[in-house]
Protein backbone atom coordinates (compact mmCIF):
# COMPACT_ATOMS: atom_id res chain seq x y z
CA MET A 1 9.39 16.56 22.80
CA ARG A 2 10.79 15.87 19.36
CA LEU A 3 12.81 12.80 18.50
CA VAL A 4 15.89 14.81 17.53
CA TYR A 5 15.95 16.75 20.80
CA PHE A 6 15.24 13.56 22.74
CA CYS A 7 18.22 11.87 21.06
CA GLN A 8 20.51 14.86 21.52
CA GLU A 9 19.73 14.93 25.26
CA ARG A 10 20.95 11.33 25.38
CA ASN A 11 24.07 12.02 23.27
CA VAL A 12 22.64 10.12 20.31
CA ARG A 13 23.92 12.29 17.49
CA ALA A 14 24.32 9.90 14.53
CA LEU A 15 21.77 7.72 12.77
CA VAL A 16 23.84 4.62 13.49
CA ASP A 17 23.42 5.36 17.20
CA VAL A 18 19.60 5.35 17.07
CA LYS A 19 18.85 1.90 18.44
CA LEU A 20 15.71 0.20 19.69
CA GLU A 21 16.01 1.30 23.32
CA PRO A 22 16.13 5.10 22.76
CA LEU A 23 13.39 4.84 20.14
CA GLU A 24 11.11 2.95 22.54
CA ASP A 25 12.02 5.37 25.36
CA PHE A 26 10.97 8.28 23.13
CA ARG A 27 7.69 6.61 22.22
CA ARG A 28 6.90 5.98 25.91
CA THR A 29 7.19 9.72 26.60
CA ARG A 30 4.49 10.55 24.04
CA LYS A 31 0.96 11.27 25.24
CA ILE A 32 -0.89 10.51 22.02
CA SER A 33 -3.91 8.55 20.83
CA LEU A 34 -3.68 4.92 19.82
CA SER A 35 -4.14 5.71 16.12
CA THR A 36 -1.54 8.49 16.25
CA GLY A 37 0.88 6.12 17.96
CA GLN A 38 0.38 3.55 15.21
CA THR A 39 0.88 6.22 12.53
CA GLU A 40 4.00 7.48 14.30
CA ARG A 41 5.44 3.96 14.39
CA HIS A 42 4.76 3.59 10.66
CA VAL A 43 6.49 6.94 10.00
CA PHE A 44 9.54 5.77 11.95
CA ILE A 45 9.63 2.45 10.08
CA THR A 46 9.44 4.31 6.75
CA LEU A 47 12.13 6.80 7.78
CA PHE A 48 14.55 4.11 8.94
CA ASN A 49 13.80 1.96 5.86
CA TYR A 50 14.88 4.92 3.73
CA CYS A 51 18.06 5.33 5.78
CA GLU A 52 18.77 1.60 5.53
CA GLN A 53 18.26 1.60 1.75
CA HIS A 54 20.81 4.41 1.45
CA GLU A 55 23.18 2.39 3.66
CA TRP A 56 23.34 5.09 6.32
CA ILE A 57 22.37 2.44 8.89
CA SER A 58 22.65 -1.35 8.88
CA GLY A 59 19.23 -2.15 10.34
CA ASN A 60 15.85 -0.64 11.08
CA PRO A 61 15.32 -0.23 14.85
CA ALA A 62 11.70 0.86 14.35
CA LYS A 63 10.75 -2.54 12.91
CA LYS A 64 11.63 -4.08 16.27
CA ALA A 65 9.72 -1.50 18.30
CA GLN A 66 6.57 -2.73 19.95
CA SER A 67 3.24 -1.58 18.67
CA THR A 68 1.39 1.03 20.68
CA ALA A 69 -1.03 -1.55 22.07
CA GLN A 70 1.87 -3.66 23.37
CA SER A 71 3.55 -0.61 24.93
CA GLU A 72 0.38 0.34 26.79
CA ALA A 73 0.12 -3.11 28.33
CA GLU A 74 3.58 -2.81 29.88
CA PRO A 75 4.05 -1.40 33.37
CA GLY A 76 5.30 2.15 32.97
CA GLY A 77 4.16 2.30 29.35
CA ALA A 78 2.68 5.51 28.05
CA LEU A 79 -1.01 6.10 28.53
CA TYR A 80 -2.05 7.26 25.09
CA ALA A 81 -4.44 10.05 25.88
CA SER A 82 -5.32 12.89 23.55
CA GLY A 83 -3.57 14.92 20.86
CA GLY A 84 -0.02 14.67 19.58
CA SER A 85 1.80 14.48 16.32
CA ALA A 86 4.53 12.51 14.62
CA ASP A 87 6.99 15.38 14.81
CA LEU A 88 10.41 14.07 13.90
CA GLY A 89 12.24 17.23 14.90
CA ALA A 90 13.96 20.14 13.28
CA GLY A 91 17.66 19.55 13.90
CA PRO A 92 19.86 17.22 11.88
CA ILE A 93 20.93 13.76 12.92
CA THR A 94 23.85 12.78 10.76
CA SER A 95 24.53 9.47 9.06
CA ASN A 96 27.77 7.59 9.63
CA ALA A 97 29.03 9.03 6.32
CA GLY A 98 28.68 12.55 7.69
CA ARG A 99 25.65 13.34 5.55
CA THR A 100 22.60 14.85 7.16
CA ALA A 101 19.44 12.80 7.14
């Protein structure tokens, strides 16, 4: 499932509404390798850094997200098996200024 669709299913429609909890919930649903999970986390950090620099959001929730290794150690954490990609989705999530990110 893509991040955008995942957020839309949870009524997270604006960048300012993407917080740590939904981001971690999304990452737990992913069945991906350890290295892909680490790359995905880095992609999210970079994306949210960009949004923060443009003042679309006030903080970067991805910086607070646990690394893949930490997530696997938790009960109920994703078992990172095979395949996967860092697909961020096709639909827009808008910033608080109404711009599309």
